[in-house]
Protein backbone atom coordinates (compact mmCIF):
# COMPACT_ATOMS: atom_id res chain seq x y z
CA ALA A 1 10.88 28.23 -21.63
CA PRO A 2 7.62 28.62 -20.23
CA VAL A 3 4.97 31.28 -21.83
CA GLU A 4 1.63 32.45 -20.20
CA VAL A 5 -1.22 31.19 -21.66
CA ALA A 6 -3.62 33.75 -23.50
CA GLY A 7 -6.18 35.89 -21.46
CA GLY A 8 -4.01 36.50 -18.30
CA ARG A 9 -6.63 34.93 -16.24
CA LYS A 10 -5.43 34.27 -12.71
CA VAL A 11 -8.35 31.76 -11.60
CA TRP A 12 -6.84 28.24 -12.74
CA VAL A 13 -6.59 25.50 -10.35
CA GLN A 14 -6.04 22.59 -12.50
CA VAL A 15 -4.21 21.91 -15.71
CA THR A 16 -3.84 18.45 -17.76
CA ALA A 17 -2.08 18.22 -21.28
CA GLY A 18 -3.09 15.56 -23.78
CA GLY A 19 -1.44 14.29 -26.96
CA PHE A 20 -2.08 17.66 -29.09
CA HIS A 21 -4.55 19.85 -26.77
CA THR A 22 -4.60 21.13 -23.20
CA CYS A 23 -7.29 21.58 -20.87
CA ALA A 24 -7.71 23.57 -17.45
CA ARG A 25 -10.27 24.23 -14.64
CA THR A 26 -11.13 27.39 -12.96
CA VAL A 27 -12.05 28.01 -9.49
CA ARG A 28 -15.40 28.37 -10.37
CA GLY A 29 -15.57 25.03 -12.10
CA GLN A 30 -15.68 26.28 -15.79
CA LEU A 31 -13.73 24.22 -18.22
CA TRP A 32 -11.61 25.53 -21.08
CA CYS A 33 -9.48 23.57 -23.76
CA TRP A 34 -7.18 24.71 -26.62
CA GLY A 35 -5.08 23.12 -29.19
CA SER A 36 -6.05 20.38 -31.75
CA ASP A 37 -9.61 19.82 -32.20
CA PHE A 38 -9.58 17.28 -35.08
CA TRP A 39 -11.54 14.62 -32.96
CA GLY A 40 -13.62 16.94 -30.84
CA GLN A 41 -11.28 17.09 -28.21
CA LEU A 42 -11.75 20.64 -26.97
CA GLY A 43 -15.58 19.79 -26.35
CA ASN A 44 -17.05 23.11 -27.40
CA GLY A 45 -19.40 21.71 -30.13
CA GLY A 46 -17.67 23.53 -32.87
CA ALA A 47 -16.37 22.21 -36.26
CA ASN A 48 -13.25 20.81 -35.42
CA THR A 49 -11.19 23.78 -35.80
CA ASP A 50 -8.03 23.87 -33.90
CA VAL A 51 -7.52 26.98 -31.58
CA GLY A 52 -4.59 28.89 -30.08
CA ALA A 53 -6.18 30.32 -27.23
CA PRO A 54 -8.82 28.71 -24.54
CA VAL A 55 -12.31 28.05 -25.66
CA GLN A 56 -15.05 26.97 -23.16
CA VAL A 57 -16.41 23.31 -23.02
CA THR A 58 -19.94 23.23 -23.32
CA GLY A 59 -22.56 20.89 -22.08
CA GLY A 60 -21.84 18.25 -19.21
CA GLY A 61 -23.82 18.05 -16.02
CA GLY A 62 -22.69 21.22 -13.89
CA ALA A 63 -19.72 22.75 -12.46
CA TRP A 64 -16.33 20.56 -13.09
CA ALA A 65 -14.48 19.33 -10.48
CA ASP A 66 -11.72 17.21 -12.07
CA VAL A 67 -10.44 17.11 -15.85
CA SER A 68 -7.90 14.66 -17.63
CA ALA A 69 -6.88 15.27 -21.32
CA GLY A 70 -5.87 11.85 -23.27
CA TYR A 71 -4.05 11.55 -26.63
CA GLN A 72 -7.27 12.55 -28.69
CA HIS A 73 -10.10 12.63 -26.09
CA THR A 74 -10.81 14.29 -22.91
CA CYS A 75 -12.78 13.24 -19.76
CA GLY A 76 -14.13 15.27 -16.61
CA ARG A 77 -16.08 14.84 -13.73
CA THR A 78 -18.52 17.29 -12.34
CA LEU A 79 -19.08 18.41 -8.58
CA GLY A 80 -22.13 15.74 -8.43
CA GLY A 81 -19.77 12.84 -9.23
CA ARG A 82 -21.05 12.31 -12.65
CA LEU A 83 -18.45 11.60 -15.82
CA TRP A 84 -18.32 12.57 -19.12
CA CYS A 85 -15.85 12.20 -22.17
CA TRP A 86 -15.58 13.69 -25.61
CA GLY A 87 -13.22 13.53 -28.48
CA ASN A 88 -11.88 10.44 -30.36
CA ASP A 89 -13.87 7.14 -29.39
CA GLY A 90 -11.64 4.84 -31.23
CA SER A 91 -11.88 1.26 -29.45
CA GLY A 92 -14.55 2.80 -27.27
CA ARG A 93 -12.54 5.16 -25.02
CA LEU A 94 -15.48 7.64 -24.38
CA GLY A 95 -17.06 4.78 -22.41
CA ASP A 96 -20.84 5.97 -23.50
CA ASP A 97 -21.99 3.14 -25.35
CA ALA A 98 -21.28 -0.06 -27.83
CA ALA A 99 -21.12 2.30 -30.75
CA VAL A 100 -17.87 3.97 -31.95
CA ALA A 101 -18.89 7.56 -32.36
CA ASP A 102 -16.52 10.68 -32.09
CA ARG A 103 -18.05 13.49 -29.70
CA THR A 104 -17.45 17.37 -30.03
CA GLU A 105 -19.15 17.86 -26.77
CA PRO A 106 -19.26 15.75 -23.44
CA THR A 107 -21.36 12.64 -23.37
CA GLU A 108 -21.85 10.72 -20.15
CA VAL A 109 -20.16 7.53 -19.46
CA ALA A 110 -22.30 4.54 -19.41
CA GLY A 111 -24.35 3.97 -16.45
CA ALA A 112 -25.05 7.64 -15.79
CA THR A 113 -24.08 7.18 -12.00
CA ALA A 114 -23.07 10.12 -9.90
CA ASP A 115 -20.43 8.15 -7.63
CA TRP A 116 -17.23 8.68 -9.61
CA ARG A 117 -14.30 10.15 -7.57
CA THR A 118 -11.42 10.96 -10.12
CA VAL A 119 -10.62 9.94 -13.81
CA THR A 120 -7.48 9.63 -15.88
CA ALA A 121 -7.45 9.60 -19.79
CA GLY A 122 -4.77 7.73 -21.50
CA THR A 123 -3.64 7.15 -25.14
CA PHE A 124 -6.26 4.79 -26.17
CA HIS A 125 -8.20 3.75 -22.85
CA THR A 126 -9.40 5.59 -19.94
CA CYS A 127 -9.58 4.49 -16.06
CA ALA A 128 -11.52 6.10 -13.24
CA VAL A 129 -12.42 5.21 -9.65
CA LYS A 130 -15.72 5.29 -7.82
CA ARG A 131 -16.35 6.88 -4.50
CA SER A 132 -16.29 3.22 -3.08
CA GLY A 133 -12.51 2.82 -3.98
CA ARG A 134 -13.42 0.39 -7.10
CA LEU A 135 -11.40 0.89 -10.15
CA PHE A 136 -12.90 0.80 -14.05
CA CYS A 137 -11.41 0.90 -17.15
CA TRP A 138 -12.44 1.10 -21.12
CA GLY A 139 -11.21 1.43 -24.36
CA LEU A 140 -8.46 -0.36 -26.12
CA ASP A 141 -7.41 -3.66 -24.29
CA SER A 142 -4.75 -4.94 -26.88
CA ALA A 143 -2.22 -5.67 -23.93
CA GLY A 144 -4.42 -6.28 -21.42
CA GLN A 145 -4.12 -2.61 -20.04
CA LEU A 146 -8.04 -2.59 -18.84
CA GLY A 147 -6.91 -5.16 -16.10
CA ASP A 148 -9.96 -7.37 -16.31
CA GLY A 149 -8.65 -10.48 -17.63
CA PRO A 150 -7.65 -11.92 -20.78
CA PRO A 151 -7.19 -9.15 -23.62
CA LEU A 152 -9.83 -8.22 -25.78
CA VAL A 153 -9.97 -5.85 -28.69
CA GLY A 154 -11.57 -3.18 -26.76
CA ARG A 155 -14.57 -2.32 -24.28
CA HIS A 156 -16.93 0.45 -25.01
CA THR A 157 -18.58 0.53 -21.41
CA PRO A 158 -16.66 0.58 -18.00
CA VAL A 159 -15.45 -3.01 -16.74
CA GLU A 160 -13.98 -3.58 -13.32
CA VAL A 161 -10.30 -4.07 -12.86
CA ALA A 162 -9.50 -7.68 -11.64
CA GLY A 163 -9.45 -8.31 -7.99
CA GLY A 164 -12.61 -6.25 -6.70
CA ARG A 165 -10.29 -3.95 -4.37
CA THR A 166 -12.21 -1.07 -2.88
CA ASP A 167 -8.75 0.64 -1.95
CA TRP A 168 -7.71 2.45 -5.19
CA THR A 169 -6.54 6.21 -4.60
CA ALA A 170 -4.52 7.11 -7.84
CA ILE A 171 -4.51 5.81 -11.25
CA ALA A 172 -1.65 6.45 -13.86
CA LEU A 173 -2.14 5.49 -17.49
CA GLY A 174 0.93 4.84 -20.11
CA ARG A 175 0.35 4.15 -23.91
CA SER A 176 -0.66 0.58 -23.37
CA HIS A 177 -0.06 0.10 -19.62
CA THR A 178 -1.73 1.23 -16.58
CA CYS A 179 -0.77 1.67 -12.85
CA GLY A 180 -2.98 1.89 -9.64
CA LEU A 181 -1.68 2.91 -6.06
CA GLN A 182 -3.85 1.44 -3.27
CA ARG A 183 -4.23 3.16 0.12
CA SER A 184 -1.76 1.06 1.79
CA GLY A 185 1.07 2.47 -0.33
CA ALA A 186 1.36 -0.66 -2.59
CA LEU A 187 1.70 -0.30 -6.52
CA ALA A 188 0.28 -2.48 -9.02
CA CYS A 189 0.60 -2.30 -12.73
CA TRP A 190 -0.69 -4.36 -15.87
CA GLY A 191 -0.48 -4.37 -19.58
CA TRP A 192 2.33 -4.07 -21.85
CA ASP A 193 5.75 -4.90 -20.37
CA ASP A 194 8.20 -4.64 -23.59
CA ALA A 195 10.39 -2.30 -22.06
CA GLY A 196 9.74 -3.26 -18.36
CA GLN A 197 7.12 -0.62 -17.59
CA LEU A 198 5.11 -2.78 -15.08
CA GLY A 199 8.24 -2.76 -12.55
CA ASP A 200 7.65 -6.28 -11.63
CA ASP A 201 10.36 -8.45 -13.02
CA ALA A 202 12.74 -8.68 -16.15
CA ALA A 203 10.35 -11.27 -17.78
CA HIS A 204 8.89 -8.44 -19.78
CA ALA A 205 5.70 -10.26 -19.87
CA ASP A 206 2.35 -8.64 -20.34
CA GLN A 207 -0.22 -8.82 -17.70
CA ALA A 208 -3.87 -8.54 -18.09
CA SER A 209 -4.62 -8.17 -14.27
CA PRO A 210 -2.53 -6.30 -11.68
CA VAL A 211 0.61 -7.32 -10.60
CA PRO A 212 2.89 -5.55 -7.98
CA VAL A 213 5.68 -3.37 -8.43
CA ALA A 214 8.69 -4.25 -6.43
CA GLY A 215 9.55 -1.62 -3.56
CA GLY A 216 7.49 0.59 -1.76
CA PRO A 217 5.38 1.93 0.16
CA TRP A 218 4.77 4.47 -2.80
CA ARG A 219 3.15 7.81 -2.21
CA ALA A 220 2.45 8.89 -5.90
CA VAL A 221 2.76 7.48 -9.30
CA THR A 222 2.51 8.54 -13.07
CA ALA A 223 3.00 6.80 -16.16
CA GLY A 224 4.56 8.04 -19.49
CA GLY A 225 4.20 6.28 -22.99
CA TYR A 226 6.70 3.36 -21.96
CA HIS A 227 7.65 4.25 -18.64
CA THR A 228 6.44 4.72 -15.21
CA CYS A 229 7.50 6.77 -12.03
CA ALA A 230 6.62 6.87 -8.53
CA SER A 231 7.73 8.37 -5.21
CA GLY A 232 8.42 6.75 -1.98
CA ARG A 233 9.70 7.77 1.45
CA ALA A 234 13.60 8.73 1.03
CA ALA A 235 15.84 6.24 2.76
CA ARG A 236 17.52 9.06 4.58
CA GLY A 237 16.23 12.03 6.02
CA PHE A 238 13.11 13.79 5.29
CA GLY A 239 11.18 13.83 2.07
CA ASP A 240 10.73 11.58 -0.94
CA GLN A 241 12.72 9.70 -3.43
CA VAL A 242 11.59 9.55 -6.98
CA TYR A 243 11.99 6.42 -8.95
CA CYS A 244 11.36 5.39 -12.47
CA TRP A 245 11.40 2.25 -14.65
CA GLY A 246 10.58 0.90 -18.28
CA LEU A 247 12.27 2.57 -21.43
CA ASP A 248 15.08 4.80 -21.20
CA THR A 249 16.10 5.49 -24.82
CA TYR A 250 15.89 9.28 -24.10
CA GLY A 251 16.74 9.17 -20.41
CA ALA A 252 12.99 9.40 -19.33
CA LEU A 253 14.12 7.58 -16.03
CA GLY A 254 16.38 10.20 -14.98
CA ASP A 255 18.95 8.17 -13.18
CA GLY A 256 22.03 9.86 -14.77
CA ALA A 257 23.31 6.30 -15.76
CA PRO A 258 24.22 5.26 -19.30
CA LEU A 259 20.81 4.71 -21.26
CA ALA A 260 19.46 1.22 -20.32
CA ASP A 261 15.87 0.05 -19.81
CA GLN A 262 14.88 -0.72 -16.19
CA PRO A 263 12.46 -3.53 -15.44
CA LEU A 264 12.60 -2.70 -11.58
CA PRO A 265 12.47 0.85 -10.09
CA VAL A 266 15.85 2.78 -10.04
CA PRO A 267 16.18 6.26 -7.95
CA VAL A 268 16.23 9.34 -10.00
CA SER A 269 19.61 11.24 -9.82
CA GLY A 270 19.02 13.90 -7.21
CA GLY A 271 15.33 13.39 -7.13
CA VAL A 272 15.04 13.67 -3.35
CA GLY A 273 13.21 16.36 -1.63
CA VAL A 274 9.71 17.16 -0.59
CA LEU A 275 7.29 16.28 -3.59
CA SER A 276 4.27 18.18 -4.68
CA ALA A 277 3.88 17.18 -8.33
CA LEU A 278 5.16 14.15 -10.55
CA ASP A 279 4.05 13.80 -14.02
CA ALA A 280 5.41 11.98 -16.98
CA GLY A 281 4.82 12.34 -20.72
CA GLU A 282 5.67 10.44 -23.71
CA TYR A 283 9.49 10.16 -23.26
CA HIS A 284 9.96 12.80 -20.54
CA THR A 285 9.23 13.24 -16.98
CA CYS A 286 9.02 16.46 -14.46
CA ALA A 287 8.94 16.95 -10.73
CA ARG A 288 8.10 19.72 -8.40
CA LEU A 289 10.78 19.47 -5.41
CA ASP A 290 11.57 21.49 -2.68
CA LEU A 291 10.24 25.25 -2.70
CA GLY A 292 8.32 24.92 -6.01
CA ARG A 293 11.35 24.23 -7.87
CA LEU A 294 10.41 22.13 -11.35
CA ARG A 295 12.86 19.86 -12.80
CA CYS A 296 12.35 17.77 -15.74
CA TRP A 297 14.62 15.10 -17.77
CA GLY A 298 14.31 12.49 -20.79
CA LEU A 299 13.40 13.68 -24.62
CA ASP A 300 13.97 17.46 -25.36
CA SER A 301 13.42 17.40 -29.21
CA ASN A 302 11.07 20.25 -28.90
CA GLY A 303 12.15 21.87 -26.07
CA GLN A 304 9.64 19.91 -23.54
CA LEU A 305 12.28 20.20 -20.77
CA GLY A 306 11.67 24.00 -20.46
CA ASP A 307 15.32 24.66 -19.55
CA GLY A 308 16.17 27.12 -22.23
CA GLY A 309 18.83 25.12 -23.64
CA THR A 310 19.46 23.85 -27.14
CA ASN A 311 17.02 20.96 -27.20
CA THR A 312 19.37 18.62 -25.62
CA ASP A 313 17.94 15.11 -24.01
CA GLN A 314 18.78 14.85 -20.34
CA ALA A 315 19.58 11.61 -18.51
CA ALA A 316 19.26 13.68 -15.35
CA PRO A 317 16.98 16.23 -14.08
CA VAL A 318 17.40 19.87 -15.16
CA LEU A 319 16.01 22.95 -13.83
CA VAL A 320 12.94 24.68 -15.77
CA ALA A 321 13.95 28.10 -16.56
CA GLY A 322 12.05 31.08 -15.46
């Protein structure tokens, strides 16, 4: 069940969880992280020492407006629109230059421009949207997850996703796939498709540039390690319906049916209501529907569903305790 973060602060406005660390932003634009610091992903300029309570990120270019924790790295955007990353730079996921070098403090993404709108740090790659609506990615490109064409080993500086669109509004990164939501409500995915996580068909073919997801229009998207979830308008009545597709080994699709991977969106059991948050972990998913109630489903090996039970995987949403 949930426990309160040390310090008893009442000023948090954003939180993001990575592979083994967590970061949060305060109302005044301060950024704090805690957990594993093996790669410098806490950003406090220390000696890569794990910490069990929040430590403040040092450096950067001013007050923070956005933060995203990846598997072993973190990225943040300042109020002025500048973009910074720190931690593990394997395959160039920090995006700062052509030389791989881990960073214990924020390092600015190549180009040093002040026109970034949002950033998402993934497992081995990173993507960010500019104020113009253009989408750029960098880092590992083994399955085409950067979306710029034929896969390469990696990119150390931002490259634009194929198509030159200027209407990207939200991005979700899985282990080796990426999905992007467009202003029209269209949703596209690219990269690895071994379990159907691209949501386009049953061919399980990797894609090095965006392919449209079946269904829609879509309103929000999140990507787990090997699955994807999104919300669309409910077919009947008011509110949203949550859909998932891809790997279902532990019930991460939440459809309540016998476990089976799905190459096309399937509705989450009971996943209808007014959606205010949707987020996927490696093998589990959580959604906040109706009056702030939080439900999770999928893998529960370490209690990640928060239902206060016996760490039992759930193929349909269960209510978080507390």
